[in-house]
Amino acid sequence: MSAVVDQQPPGSPGWISQHGLSAVDTARLAQLDAAEHDPRVFSVEGDLADFGGMAFKERYPRRFFDMGIAEANLIGAAAGLAMRGKVPCVNTFGAFALMRACEQVRVDVAYHHSNVKIFGSFTGLASGFSGPTHHCIEDLAIARVLPGMTVLAPADAVAAYHLGRAAIEHDGPTYMRFGMDVTPQVHDEHASFRLDKGLVLREGSDVAVIAAGLTPVAAALEAADLLAEQGVRARVVDMHTIKPLDEDLVEESAQIAGLVLTVEEHSRIGGLGSAVAEVLCERRPTPLRILGVPDRFATELSDHEGHLRRCGLDAAGIASAALAALREVDAT
């Protein structure tokens, strides 16, 4: 991991060659590079330093704290650091941060508007065969409802770096979710990110596919290719910021396509789909289909890819859902 911000821009071939396409690694790099320029940046660990945190520990040992497997204490300590003017970056599993330590996130962080940055890994179904205790399909719903909490879901390792830096610079509590493994590259060195603005990755006027997260956005782009083979033009939006949501882009997409399909590796309840539904109800009533994890625990023994296929969150599943929605809309 680099010592200072790279000469090569994030997303460029050289940068990818050096840092890879794991969002865990590039989110760590964002913290490391931010700490290089801002002595207020701390790393507060939930026993995950082996996942890239050792570089921070080696370079800034006085700004590194490993709290062990004690997530409530971890969040409370981070809030305390924030109260003293520091910018703590919490690194733990998303399921543990937003569920095991939910009370501390609510009271110590959100209620006090503490400037804590929570980097939640192993989210969605990324834990695969580890089972429902480690699956994290409720975090967006929990984080969204906490007053003042900014909620981020980067589409790839490049976005994880940019949004990680933006989260650290943002004044206020922030939660960012990602997985553990290498995922497809979506953005290149020309990508530009704002916390309150989504990105249109592909234009189309038959259906607007609004996706968020490491697997959904890449799968949505692949699904758009499958749909194009059948003459369906899909607009693909990377809605990397779930809160505050880019409401103007949601409305614009609905106006252009007349049908919206949301895709997320999260429960169908309370996440991106619910956020988009709230906007459409108020600003532009439009046919909407929410594609996500069904309202049940994923108890089947499977790897990550198997879970995604079972939930219809792979490219074929997304394309199939879009075609079914188009047929339903045409029939009304």
C-alpha atoms as a PDB file:
ATOM      1  CA  MET A   1       0.000   0.000   0.000  1.00  0.00           C
ATOM      2  CA  SER A   2       1.377   3.392  -0.961  1.00  0.00           C
ATOM      3  CA  ALA A   3       2.845   5.803   1.547  1.00  0.00           C
ATOM      4  CA  VAL A   4       1.375   8.955   0.049  1.00  0.00           C
ATOM      5  CA  VAL A   5      -1.312   9.834  -2.453  1.00  0.00           C
ATOM      6  CA  ASP A   6      -0.281   8.264  -5.755  1.00  0.00           C
ATOM      7  CA  GLN A   7       1.080  10.236  -8.679  1.00  0.00           C
ATOM      8  CA  GLN A   8      -1.205   8.152 -10.873  1.00  0.00           C
ATOM      9  CA  PRO A   9      -4.888   9.088 -10.649  1.00  0.00           C
ATOM     10  CA  PRO A  10      -7.238   6.592  -8.971  1.00  0.00           C
ATOM     11  CA  GLY A  11      -8.801   4.340 -11.571  1.00  0.00           C
ATOM     12  CA  SER A  12      -5.949   4.588 -14.053  1.00  0.00           C
ATOM     13  CA  PRO A  13      -4.361   1.328 -15.259  1.00  0.00           C
ATOM     14  CA  GLY A  14      -1.216   1.975 -13.245  1.00  0.00           C
ATOM     15  CA  TRP A  15      -3.151   2.742 -10.087  1.00  0.00           C
ATOM     16  CA  ILE A  16      -5.249  -0.407 -10.499  1.00  0.00           C
ATOM     17  CA  SER A  17      -2.123  -2.456 -11.127  1.00  0.00           C
ATOM     18  CA  GLN A  18      -0.631  -1.186  -7.869  1.00  0.00           C
ATOM     19  CA  HIS A  19      -3.681  -1.310  -5.604  1.00  0.00           C
ATOM     20  CA  GLY A  20      -5.989  -3.873  -7.170  1.00  0.00           C
ATOM     21  CA  LEU A  21      -9.771  -3.989  -7.278  1.00  0.00           C
ATOM     22  CA  SER A  22     -10.693  -4.847  -3.698  1.00  0.00           C
ATOM     23  CA  ALA A  23     -12.774  -2.082  -2.114  1.00  0.00           C
ATOM     24  CA  VAL A  24     -11.445  -3.065   1.311  1.00  0.00           C
ATOM     25  CA  ASP A  25      -7.908  -2.293   0.162  1.00  0.00           C
ATOM     26  CA  THR A  26      -8.748   1.006  -1.527  1.00  0.00           C
ATOM     27  CA  ALA A  27     -10.967   2.200   1.336  1.00  0.00           C
ATOM     28  CA  ARG A  28      -7.968   1.545   3.594  1.00  0.00           C
ATOM     29  CA  LEU A  29      -5.791   3.455   1.155  1.00  0.00           C
ATOM     30  CA  ALA A  30      -8.212   6.391   1.344  1.00  0.00           C
ATOM     31  CA  GLN A  31      -7.820   6.448   5.127  1.00  0.00           C
ATOM     32  CA  LEU A  32      -4.057   6.203   4.875  1.00  0.00           C
ATOM     33  CA  ASP A  33      -3.767   8.985   2.324  1.00  0.00           C
ATOM     34  CA  ALA A  34      -6.157  11.195   4.281  1.00  0.00           C
ATOM     35  CA  ALA A  35      -4.056  10.669   7.410  1.00  0.00           C
ATOM     36  CA  GLU A  36      -0.991  11.796   5.474  1.00  0.00           C
ATOM     37  CA  HIS A  37      -2.552  15.240   5.067  1.00  0.00           C
ATOM     38  CA  ASP A  38      -4.684  15.502   8.203  1.00  0.00           C
ATOM     39  CA  PRO A  39      -3.265  14.641  11.649  1.00  0.00           C
ATOM     40  CA  ARG A  40      -6.813  14.398  13.024  1.00  0.00           C
ATOM     41  CA  VAL A  41      -7.467  11.155  11.111  1.00  0.00           C
ATOM     42  CA  PHE A  42      -7.348   8.039  13.306  1.00  0.00           C
ATOM     43  CA  SER A  43      -7.925   4.356  12.588  1.00  0.00           C
ATOM     44  CA  VAL A  44     -10.111   2.560  15.158  1.00  0.00           C
ATOM     45  CA  GLU A  45     -10.254  -1.184  14.560  1.00  0.00           C
ATOM     46  CA  GLY A  46     -12.613  -4.009  15.391  1.00  0.00           C
ATOM     47  CA  ASP A  47      -9.957  -6.727  15.148  1.00  0.00           C
ATOM     48  CA  LEU A  48      -9.648  -6.297  11.363  1.00  0.00           C
ATOM     49  CA  ALA A  49      -6.197  -4.759  11.086  1.00  0.00           C
ATOM     50  CA  ASP A  50      -5.008  -7.765   9.099  1.00  0.00           C
ATOM     51  CA  PHE A  51      -7.321  -6.583   6.286  1.00  0.00           C
ATOM     52  CA  GLY A  52      -5.084  -3.673   5.291  1.00  0.00           C
ATOM     53  CA  GLY A  53      -4.936  -1.898   8.618  1.00  0.00           C
ATOM     54  CA  MET A  54      -1.359  -2.822   9.427  1.00  0.00           C
ATOM     55  CA  ALA A  55      -0.045  -0.162   7.030  1.00  0.00           C
ATOM     56  CA  PHE A  56      -1.829   2.525   9.053  1.00  0.00           C
ATOM     57  CA  LYS A  57      -0.572   1.034  12.303  1.00  0.00           C
ATOM     58  CA  GLU A  58       3.019   0.993  11.066  1.00  0.00           C
ATOM     59  CA  ARG A  59       2.954   4.557   9.771  1.00  0.00           C
ATOM     60  CA  TYR A  60       0.835   6.212  12.444  1.00  0.00           C
ATOM     61  CA  PRO A  61       1.026   4.005  15.567  1.00  0.00           C
ATOM     62  CA  ARG A  62      -0.124   6.804  17.875  1.00  0.00           C
ATOM     63  CA  ARG A  63      -3.273   7.244  15.779  1.00  0.00           C
ATOM     64  CA  PHE A  64      -4.177   3.556  15.634  1.00  0.00           C
ATOM     65  CA  PHE A  65      -6.343   1.694  18.145  1.00  0.00           C
ATOM     66  CA  ASP A  66      -7.469  -1.931  17.925  1.00  0.00           C
ATOM     67  CA  MET A  67     -10.409  -2.404  20.280  1.00  0.00           C
ATOM     68  CA  GLY A  68     -10.746  -6.133  19.589  1.00  0.00           C
ATOM     69  CA  ILE A  69     -14.067  -7.911  19.119  1.00  0.00           C
ATOM     70  CA  ALA A  70     -16.016  -5.399  21.201  1.00  0.00           C
ATOM     71  CA  GLU A  71     -18.024  -3.353  18.753  1.00  0.00           C
ATOM     72  CA  ALA A  72     -20.079  -1.329  21.239  1.00  0.00           C
ATOM     73  CA  ASN A  73     -16.881  -0.187  22.940  1.00  0.00           C
ATOM     74  CA  LEU A  74     -15.343   0.424  19.508  1.00  0.00           C
ATOM     75  CA  ILE A  75     -18.116   2.838  18.482  1.00  0.00           C
ATOM     76  CA  GLY A  76     -18.139   4.563  21.847  1.00  0.00           C
ATOM     77  CA  ALA A  77     -14.377   5.122  21.739  1.00  0.00           C
ATOM     78  CA  ALA A  78     -14.635   6.509  18.207  1.00  0.00           C
ATOM     79  CA  ALA A  79     -17.359   8.915  19.308  1.00  0.00           C
ATOM     80  CA  GLY A  80     -15.135  10.038  22.165  1.00  0.00           C
ATOM     81  CA  LEU A  81     -12.282  10.732  19.786  1.00  0.00           C
ATOM     82  CA  ALA A  82     -14.628  12.731  17.566  1.00  0.00           C
ATOM     83  CA  MET A  83     -15.751  14.785  20.571  1.00  0.00           C
ATOM     84  CA  ARG A  84     -12.093  15.733  21.030  1.00  0.00           C
ATOM     85  CA  GLY A  85     -11.798  17.000  17.468  1.00  0.00           C
ATOM     86  CA  LYS A  86     -10.385  13.871  15.861  1.00  0.00           C
ATOM     87  CA  VAL A  87     -11.687  12.158  12.707  1.00  0.00           C
ATOM     88  CA  PRO A  88     -11.921   8.459  13.640  1.00  0.00           C
ATOM     89  CA  CYS A  89     -12.295   5.884  10.868  1.00  0.00           C
ATOM     90  CA  VAL A  90     -14.015   2.802  12.288  1.00  0.00           C
ATOM     91  CA  ASN A  91     -13.175  -0.457  10.524  1.00  0.00           C
ATOM     92  CA  THR A  92     -15.395  -3.437  11.295  1.00  0.00           C
ATOM     93  CA  PHE A  93     -17.950  -5.747   9.698  1.00  0.00           C
ATOM     94  CA  GLY A  94     -21.057  -3.869   8.641  1.00  0.00           C
ATOM     95  CA  ALA A  95     -23.339  -6.357  10.397  1.00  0.00           C
ATOM     96  CA  PHE A  96     -21.554  -5.809  13.685  1.00  0.00           C
ATOM     97  CA  ALA A  97     -21.407  -2.015  13.426  1.00  0.00           C
ATOM     98  CA  LEU A  98     -25.056  -1.458  12.511  1.00  0.00           C
ATOM     99  CA  MET A  99     -26.631  -4.283  14.520  1.00  0.00           C
ATOM    100  CA  ARG A 100     -24.470  -5.386  17.426  1.00  0.00           C
ATOM    101  CA  ALA A 101     -23.491  -1.768  18.158  1.00  0.00           C
ATOM    102  CA  CYS A 102     -26.660  -0.115  16.850  1.00  0.00           C
ATOM    103  CA  GLU A 103     -27.452   1.609  20.148  1.00  0.00           C
ATOM    104  CA  GLN A 104     -23.985   3.167  20.308  1.00  0.00           C
ATOM    105  CA  VAL A 105     -24.181   4.289  16.663  1.00  0.00           C
ATOM    106  CA  ARG A 106     -27.583   5.816  17.375  1.00  0.00           C
ATOM    107  CA  VAL A 107     -26.835   7.512  20.707  1.00  0.00           C
ATOM    108  CA  ASP A 108     -23.076   8.135  20.731  1.00  0.00           C
ATOM    109  CA  VAL A 109     -22.639   8.946  17.041  1.00  0.00           C
ATOM    110  CA  ALA A 110     -25.885  10.041  15.370  1.00  0.00           C
ATOM    111  CA  TYR A 111     -27.529  11.773  18.344  1.00  0.00           C
ATOM    112  CA  HIS A 112     -24.402  13.839  19.015  1.00  0.00           C
ATOM    113  CA  HIS A 113     -23.654  14.283  15.299  1.00  0.00           C
ATOM    114  CA  SER A 114     -20.194  12.914  16.042  1.00  0.00           C
ATOM    115  CA  ASN A 115     -17.757  13.146  13.160  1.00  0.00           C
ATOM    116  CA  VAL A 116     -17.247   9.359  12.989  1.00  0.00           C
ATOM    117  CA  LYS A 117     -16.642   7.499   9.722  1.00  0.00           C
ATOM    118  CA  ILE A 118     -17.838   3.890   9.805  1.00  0.00           C
ATOM    119  CA  PHE A 119     -16.332   1.637   7.135  1.00  0.00           C
ATOM    120  CA  GLY A 120     -18.455  -1.524   7.144  1.00  0.00           C
ATOM    121  CA  SER A 121     -17.036  -4.521   5.314  1.00  0.00           C
ATOM    122  CA  PHE A 122     -18.476  -7.964   4.488  1.00  0.00           C
ATOM    123  CA  THR A 123     -21.854  -6.410   3.687  1.00  0.00           C
ATOM    124  CA  GLY A 124     -24.716  -7.809   1.647  1.00  0.00           C
ATOM    125  CA  LEU A 125     -24.226 -11.523   1.063  1.00  0.00           C
ATOM    126  CA  ALA A 126     -20.457 -11.253   0.655  1.00  0.00           C
ATOM    127  CA  SER A 127     -19.805 -13.572   3.602  1.00  0.00           C
ATOM    128  CA  GLY A 128     -21.346 -16.359   1.513  1.00  0.00           C
ATOM    129  CA  PHE A 129     -21.158 -19.652   3.366  1.00  0.00           C
ATOM    130  CA  SER A 130     -20.603 -17.935   6.748  1.00  0.00           C
ATOM    131  CA  GLY A 131     -24.365 -17.757   6.926  1.00  0.00           C
ATOM    132  CA  PRO A 132     -27.105 -15.373   8.068  1.00  0.00           C
ATOM    133  CA  THR A 133     -25.284 -14.279  11.237  1.00  0.00           C
ATOM    134  CA  HIS A 134     -22.618 -12.671   9.047  1.00  0.00           C
ATOM    135  CA  HIS A 135     -24.794 -11.648   6.108  1.00  0.00           C
ATOM    136  CA  CYS A 136     -25.501  -7.941   6.229  1.00  0.00           C
ATOM    137  CA  ILE A 137     -28.777  -7.201   4.445  1.00  0.00           C
ATOM    138  CA  GLU A 138     -30.244  -4.705   6.922  1.00  0.00           C
ATOM    139  CA  ASP A 139     -27.511  -2.072   7.259  1.00  0.00           C
ATOM    140  CA  LEU A 140     -28.772   0.448   4.710  1.00  0.00           C
ATOM    141  CA  ALA A 141     -32.222   0.495   6.305  1.00  0.00           C
ATOM    142  CA  ILE A 142     -30.752   1.025   9.769  1.00  0.00           C
ATOM    143  CA  ALA A 143     -28.255   3.673   8.663  1.00  0.00           C
ATOM    144  CA  ARG A 144     -30.820   5.542   6.543  1.00  0.00           C
ATOM    145  CA  VAL A 145     -33.190   6.081   9.433  1.00  0.00           C
ATOM    146  CA  LEU A 146     -30.545   7.546  11.765  1.00  0.00           C
ATOM    147  CA  PRO A 147     -30.838  11.362  11.674  1.00  0.00           C
ATOM    148  CA  GLY A 148     -27.882  13.105  10.061  1.00  0.00           C
ATOM    149  CA  MET A 149     -26.170   9.908   8.892  1.00  0.00           C
ATOM    150  CA  THR A 150     -24.658   9.975   5.394  1.00  0.00           C
ATOM    151  CA  VAL A 151     -24.889   6.524   3.764  1.00  0.00           C
ATOM    152  CA  LEU A 152     -22.603   5.368   0.943  1.00  0.00           C
ATOM    153  CA  ALA A 153     -22.404   2.247  -1.224  1.00  0.00           C
ATOM    154  CA  PRO A 154     -19.515   2.436  -3.726  1.00  0.00           C
ATOM    155  CA  ALA A 155     -19.750   0.503  -6.988  1.00  0.00           C
ATOM    156  CA  ASP A 156     -16.110  -0.558  -7.189  1.00  0.00           C
ATOM    157  CA  ALA A 157     -12.657  -0.110  -5.690  1.00  0.00           C
ATOM    158  CA  VAL A 158     -12.163   3.221  -7.464  1.00  0.00           C
ATOM    159  CA  ALA A 159     -15.383   4.600  -6.014  1.00  0.00           C
ATOM    160  CA  ALA A 160     -14.465   3.205  -2.593  1.00  0.00           C
ATOM    161  CA  TYR A 161     -11.284   5.282  -2.641  1.00  0.00           C
ATOM    162  CA  HIS A 162     -12.949   8.496  -3.802  1.00  0.00           C
ATOM    163  CA  LEU A 163     -15.968   8.149  -1.530  1.00  0.00           C
ATOM    164  CA  GLY A 164     -13.727   7.167   1.376  1.00  0.00           C
ATOM    165  CA  ARG A 165     -11.779  10.401   0.981  1.00  0.00           C
ATOM    166  CA  ALA A 166     -14.998  12.383   0.588  1.00  0.00           C
ATOM    167  CA  ALA A 167     -16.475  10.763   3.709  1.00  0.00           C
ATOM    168  CA  ILE A 168     -13.440  11.725   5.769  1.00  0.00           C
ATOM    169  CA  GLU A 169     -13.610  15.314   4.520  1.00  0.00           C
ATOM    170  CA  HIS A 170     -17.353  15.510   5.159  1.00  0.00           C
ATOM    171  CA  ASP A 171     -18.366  17.011   8.498  1.00  0.00           C
ATOM    172  CA  GLY A 172     -20.734  14.545  10.135  1.00  0.00           C
ATOM    173  CA  PRO A 173     -21.340  10.847  10.766  1.00  0.00           C
ATOM    174  CA  THR A 174     -20.941   8.618   7.720  1.00  0.00           C
ATOM    175  CA  TYR A 175     -21.461   4.945   7.001  1.00  0.00           C
ATOM    176  CA  MET A 176     -19.921   3.276   3.931  1.00  0.00           C
ATOM    177  CA  ARG A 177     -20.568  -0.380   3.029  1.00  0.00           C
ATOM    178  CA  PHE A 178     -18.511  -2.705   0.851  1.00  0.00           C
ATOM    179  CA  GLY A 179     -17.506  -6.346   0.498  1.00  0.00           C
ATOM    180  CA  MET A 180     -14.219  -8.175   0.878  1.00  0.00           C
ATOM    181  CA  ASP A 181     -13.385  -9.633  -2.508  1.00  0.00           C
ATOM    182  CA  VAL A 182     -12.159  -8.251  -5.811  1.00  0.00           C
ATOM    183  CA  THR A 183     -15.073  -6.928  -7.868  1.00  0.00           C
ATOM    184  CA  PRO A 184     -15.315  -5.652 -11.466  1.00  0.00           C
ATOM    185  CA  GLN A 185     -14.040  -2.186 -12.262  1.00  0.00           C
ATOM    186  CA  VAL A 186     -16.847   0.251 -13.096  1.00  0.00           C
ATOM    187  CA  HIS A 187     -15.119   3.634 -12.938  1.00  0.00           C
ATOM    188  CA  ASP A 188     -11.896   4.849 -14.534  1.00  0.00           C
ATOM    189  CA  GLU A 189      -9.569   7.767 -13.825  1.00  0.00           C
ATOM    190  CA  HIS A 190     -12.060  10.252 -15.281  1.00  0.00           C
ATOM    191  CA  ALA A 191     -14.779   9.519 -12.715  1.00  0.00           C
ATOM    192  CA  SER A 192     -15.796  12.351 -10.429  1.00  0.00           C
ATOM    193  CA  PHE A 193     -17.788  11.904  -7.213  1.00  0.00           C
ATOM    194  CA  ARG A 194     -19.956  14.085  -5.007  1.00  0.00           C
ATOM    195  CA  LEU A 195     -21.665  12.770  -1.910  1.00  0.00           C
ATOM    196  CA  ASP A 196     -25.042  14.114  -3.007  1.00  0.00           C
ATOM    197  CA  LYS A 197     -24.953  13.273  -6.724  1.00  0.00           C
ATOM    198  CA  GLY A 198     -25.409   9.923  -8.463  1.00  0.00           C
ATOM    199  CA  LEU A 199     -23.781   9.079 -11.783  1.00  0.00           C
ATOM    200  CA  VAL A 200     -25.393   8.126 -15.090  1.00  0.00           C
ATOM    201  CA  LEU A 201     -23.226   5.349 -16.514  1.00  0.00           C
ATOM    202  CA  ARG A 202     -25.339   4.549 -19.565  1.00  0.00           C
ATOM    203  CA  GLU A 203     -28.170   6.331 -21.332  1.00  0.00           C
ATOM    204  CA  GLY A 204     -31.425   4.618 -22.289  1.00  0.00           C
ATOM    205  CA  SER A 205     -35.110   5.441 -22.439  1.00  0.00           C
ATOM    206  CA  ASP A 206     -36.964   2.129 -21.987  1.00  0.00           C
ATOM    207  CA  VAL A 207     -36.126   1.404 -18.355  1.00  0.00           C
ATOM    208  CA  ALA A 208     -34.018   3.164 -15.733  1.00  0.00           C
ATOM    209  CA  VAL A 209     -31.933   0.758 -13.661  1.00  0.00           C
ATOM    210  CA  ILE A 210     -30.837   2.528 -10.493  1.00  0.00           C
ATOM    211  CA  ALA A 211     -28.250   0.440  -8.653  1.00  0.00           C
ATOM    212  CA  ALA A 212     -25.931   0.825  -5.686  1.00  0.00           C
ATOM    213  CA  GLY A 213     -23.029  -1.227  -4.389  1.00  0.00           C
ATOM    214  CA  LEU A 214     -20.145  -3.385  -5.502  1.00  0.00           C
ATOM    215  CA  THR A 215     -22.012  -6.206  -7.229  1.00  0.00           C
ATOM    216  CA  PRO A 216     -25.285  -4.493  -8.314  1.00  0.00           C
ATOM    217  CA  VAL A 217     -23.846  -1.677 -10.442  1.00  0.00           C
ATOM    218  CA  ALA A 218     -21.488  -3.911 -12.417  1.00  0.00           C
ATOM    219  CA  ALA A 219     -24.283  -6.479 -12.853  1.00  0.00           C
ATOM    220  CA  ALA A 220     -26.675  -3.726 -13.982  1.00  0.00           C
ATOM    221  CA  LEU A 221     -24.241  -2.661 -16.694  1.00  0.00           C
ATOM    222  CA  GLU A 222     -23.921  -6.265 -17.857  1.00  0.00           C
ATOM    223  CA  ALA A 223     -27.704  -6.612 -17.772  1.00  0.00           C
ATOM    224  CA  ALA A 224     -27.983  -3.512 -19.952  1.00  0.00           C
ATOM    225  CA  ASP A 225     -25.889  -5.294 -22.575  1.00  0.00           C
ATOM    226  CA  LEU A 226     -28.212  -8.308 -22.407  1.00  0.00           C
ATOM    227  CA  LEU A 227     -31.247  -6.051 -22.743  1.00  0.00           C
ATOM    228  CA  ALA A 228     -29.710  -4.220 -25.695  1.00  0.00           C
ATOM    229  CA  GLU A 229     -29.510  -7.539 -27.549  1.00  0.00           C
ATOM    230  CA  GLN A 230     -33.300  -7.638 -27.298  1.00  0.00           C
ATOM    231  CA  GLY A 231     -33.769  -4.045 -28.369  1.00  0.00           C
ATOM    232  CA  VAL A 232     -34.310  -2.651 -24.874  1.00  0.00           C
ATOM    233  CA  ARG A 233     -32.396   0.501 -24.012  1.00  0.00           C
ATOM    234  CA  ALA A 234     -31.614   0.690 -20.299  1.00  0.00           C
ATOM    235  CA  ARG A 235     -30.420   3.772 -18.496  1.00  0.00           C
ATOM    236  CA  VAL A 236     -27.988   2.694 -15.762  1.00  0.00           C
ATOM    237  CA  VAL A 237     -27.437   4.916 -12.713  1.00  0.00           C
ATOM    238  CA  ASP A 238     -24.818   4.419 -10.016  1.00  0.00           C
ATOM    239  CA  MET A 239     -26.573   5.777  -6.923  1.00  0.00           C
ATOM    240  CA  HIS A 240     -23.524   5.533  -4.692  1.00  0.00           C
ATOM    241  CA  THR A 241     -25.020   7.833  -2.069  1.00  0.00           C
ATOM    242  CA  ILE A 242     -28.161   6.371  -0.520  1.00  0.00           C
ATOM    243  CA  LYS A 243     -28.535   9.304   1.858  1.00  0.00           C
ATOM    244  CA  PRO A 244     -28.761  12.126   0.973  1.00  0.00           C
ATOM    245  CA  LEU A 245     -30.309  10.658  -2.178  1.00  0.00           C
ATOM    246  CA  ASP A 246     -29.959  12.465  -5.498  1.00  0.00           C
ATOM    247  CA  GLU A 247     -33.692  13.077  -5.826  1.00  0.00           C
ATOM    248  CA  ASP A 248     -33.348  15.145  -8.995  1.00  0.00           C
ATOM    249  CA  LEU A 249     -31.593  12.274 -10.760  1.00  0.00           C
ATOM    250  CA  VAL A 250     -34.281   9.818  -9.617  1.00  0.00           C
ATOM    251  CA  GLU A 251     -36.999  12.090 -11.001  1.00  0.00           C
ATOM    252  CA  GLU A 252     -35.089  12.704 -14.227  1.00  0.00           C
ATOM    253  CA  SER A 253     -34.579   8.970 -14.771  1.00  0.00           C
ATOM    254  CA  ALA A 254     -38.255   8.262 -14.168  1.00  0.00           C
ATOM    255  CA  GLN A 255     -39.257  10.986 -16.596  1.00  0.00           C
ATOM    256  CA  ILE A 256     -36.943   9.684 -19.329  1.00  0.00           C
ATOM    257  CA  ALA A 257     -37.756   5.971 -18.996  1.00  0.00           C
ATOM    258  CA  GLY A 258     -41.229   5.777 -17.493  1.00  0.00           C
ATOM    259  CA  LEU A 259     -40.172   2.633 -15.592  1.00  0.00           C
ATOM    260  CA  VAL A 260     -37.658   2.338 -12.762  1.00  0.00           C
ATOM    261  CA  LEU A 261     -35.927  -0.814 -11.499  1.00  0.00           C
ATOM    262  CA  THR A 262     -33.739  -0.550  -8.402  1.00  0.00           C
ATOM    263  CA  VAL A 263     -31.003  -3.093  -7.655  1.00  0.00           C
ATOM    264  CA  GLU A 264     -29.240  -3.585  -4.326  1.00  0.00           C
ATOM    265  CA  GLU A 265     -27.517  -6.365  -2.409  1.00  0.00           C
ATOM    266  CA  HIS A 266     -29.704  -5.616   0.580  1.00  0.00           C
ATOM    267  CA  SER A 267     -33.177  -6.449   1.768  1.00  0.00           C
ATOM    268  CA  ARG A 268     -35.904  -5.180  -0.540  1.00  0.00           C
ATOM    269  CA  ILE A 269     -37.203  -3.376   2.526  1.00  0.00           C
ATOM    270  CA  GLY A 270     -35.731  -0.103   3.718  1.00  0.00           C
ATOM    271  CA  GLY A 271     -32.742   0.352   1.416  1.00  0.00           C
ATOM    272  CA  LEU A 272     -32.182   1.956  -1.982  1.00  0.00           C
ATOM    273  CA  GLY A 273     -35.511   0.768  -3.388  1.00  0.00           C
ATOM    274  CA  SER A 274     -37.433   2.256  -0.490  1.00  0.00           C
ATOM    275  CA  ALA A 275     -35.544   5.536  -0.797  1.00  0.00           C
ATOM    276  CA  VAL A 276     -36.341   5.751  -4.514  1.00  0.00           C
ATOM    277  CA  ALA A 277     -39.983   4.835  -3.861  1.00  0.00           C
ATOM    278  CA  GLU A 278     -40.286   7.691  -1.379  1.00  0.00           C
ATOM    279  CA  VAL A 279     -39.034  10.155  -3.975  1.00  0.00           C
ATOM    280  CA  LEU A 280     -41.246   8.867  -6.762  1.00  0.00           C
ATOM    281  CA  CYS A 281     -44.359   8.929  -4.555  1.00  0.00           C
ATOM    282  CA  GLU A 282     -43.779  12.568  -3.725  1.00  0.00           C
ATOM    283  CA  ARG A 283     -42.347  13.944  -6.946  1.00  0.00           C
ATOM    284  CA  ARG A 284     -43.221  11.738  -9.914  1.00  0.00           C
ATOM    285  CA  PRO A 285     -45.391   8.620  -9.513  1.00  0.00           C
ATOM    286  CA  THR A 286     -43.817   6.034 -11.828  1.00  0.00           C
ATOM    287  CA  PRO A 287     -43.959   2.234 -12.155  1.00  0.00           C
ATOM    288  CA  LEU A 288     -41.234   0.853  -9.895  1.00  0.00           C
ATOM    289  CA  ARG A 289     -39.789  -2.608  -9.269  1.00  0.00           C
ATOM    290  CA  ILE A 290     -37.436  -3.196  -6.328  1.00  0.00           C
ATOM    291  CA  LEU A 291     -34.867  -5.945  -6.816  1.00  0.00           C
ATOM    292  CA  GLY A 292     -33.008  -7.074  -3.731  1.00  0.00           C
ATOM    293  CA  VAL A 293     -32.746  -9.837  -1.157  1.00  0.00           C
ATOM    294  CA  PRO A 294     -36.152 -11.406  -0.353  1.00  0.00           C
ATOM    295  CA  ASP A 295     -37.666 -10.839   3.079  1.00  0.00           C
ATOM    296  CA  ARG A 296     -36.089 -13.913   4.637  1.00  0.00           C
ATOM    297  CA  PHE A 297     -32.710 -15.091   5.842  1.00  0.00           C
ATOM    298  CA  ALA A 298     -30.448 -16.644   3.197  1.00  0.00           C
ATOM    299  CA  THR A 299     -30.011 -19.972   4.970  1.00  0.00           C
ATOM    300  CA  GLU A 300     -28.882 -21.980   1.925  1.00  0.00           C
ATOM    301  CA  LEU A 301     -25.274 -23.118   1.958  1.00  0.00           C
ATOM    302  CA  SER A 302     -23.692 -21.248  -0.931  1.00  0.00           C
ATOM    303  CA  ASP A 303     -20.853 -19.015  -2.011  1.00  0.00           C
ATOM    304  CA  HIS A 304     -21.441 -15.326  -2.733  1.00  0.00           C
ATOM    305  CA  GLU A 305     -22.174 -15.827  -6.434  1.00  0.00           C
ATOM    306  CA  GLY A 306     -24.683 -18.564  -5.653  1.00  0.00           C
ATOM    307  CA  HIS A 307     -26.595 -16.322  -3.282  1.00  0.00           C
ATOM    308  CA  LEU A 308     -26.686 -13.548  -5.876  1.00  0.00           C
ATOM    309  CA  ARG A 309     -28.069 -15.885  -8.537  1.00  0.00           C
ATOM    310  CA  ARG A 310     -30.693 -17.222  -6.129  1.00  0.00           C
ATOM    311  CA  CYS A 311     -31.857 -13.677  -5.385  1.00  0.00           C
ATOM    312  CA  GLY A 312     -31.883 -12.663  -9.052  1.00  0.00           C
ATOM    313  CA  LEU A 313     -29.115 -10.136  -8.463  1.00  0.00           C
ATOM    314  CA  ASP A 314     -26.802 -11.328 -11.229  1.00  0.00           C
ATOM    315  CA  ALA A 315     -26.925  -9.827 -14.727  1.00  0.00           C
ATOM    316  CA  ALA A 316     -29.337 -12.439 -16.061  1.00  0.00           C
ATOM    317  CA  GLY A 317     -31.671 -11.933 -13.111  1.00  0.00           C
ATOM    318  CA  ILE A 318     -31.668  -8.170 -13.497  1.00  0.00           C
ATOM    319  CA  ALA A 319     -32.333  -8.378 -17.238  1.00  0.00           C
ATOM    320  CA  SER A 320     -35.157 -10.863 -16.636  1.00  0.00           C
ATOM    321  CA  ALA A 321     -36.726  -8.613 -13.994  1.00  0.00           C
ATOM    322  CA  ALA A 322     -36.526  -5.616 -16.334  1.00  0.00           C
ATOM    323  CA  LEU A 323     -38.200  -7.523 -19.189  1.00  0.00           C
ATOM    324  CA  ALA A 324     -40.960  -8.776 -16.887  1.00  0.00           C
ATOM    325  CA  ALA A 325     -41.590  -5.252 -15.614  1.00  0.00           C
ATOM    326  CA  LEU A 326     -41.745  -3.899 -19.158  1.00  0.00           C
ATOM    327  CA  ARG A 327     -44.312  -6.559 -20.091  1.00  0.00           C
ATOM    328  CA  GLU A 328     -46.403  -5.722 -17.046  1.00  0.00           C
ATOM    329  CA  VAL A 329     -46.323  -2.011 -17.781  1.00  0.00           C
ATOM    330  CA  ASP A 330     -47.190  -2.560 -21.460  1.00  0.00           C
ATOM    331  CA  ALA A 331     -50.160  -4.724 -20.419  1.00  0.00           C
ATOM    332  CA  THR A 332     -51.717  -1.974 -18.284  1.00  0.00           C
END
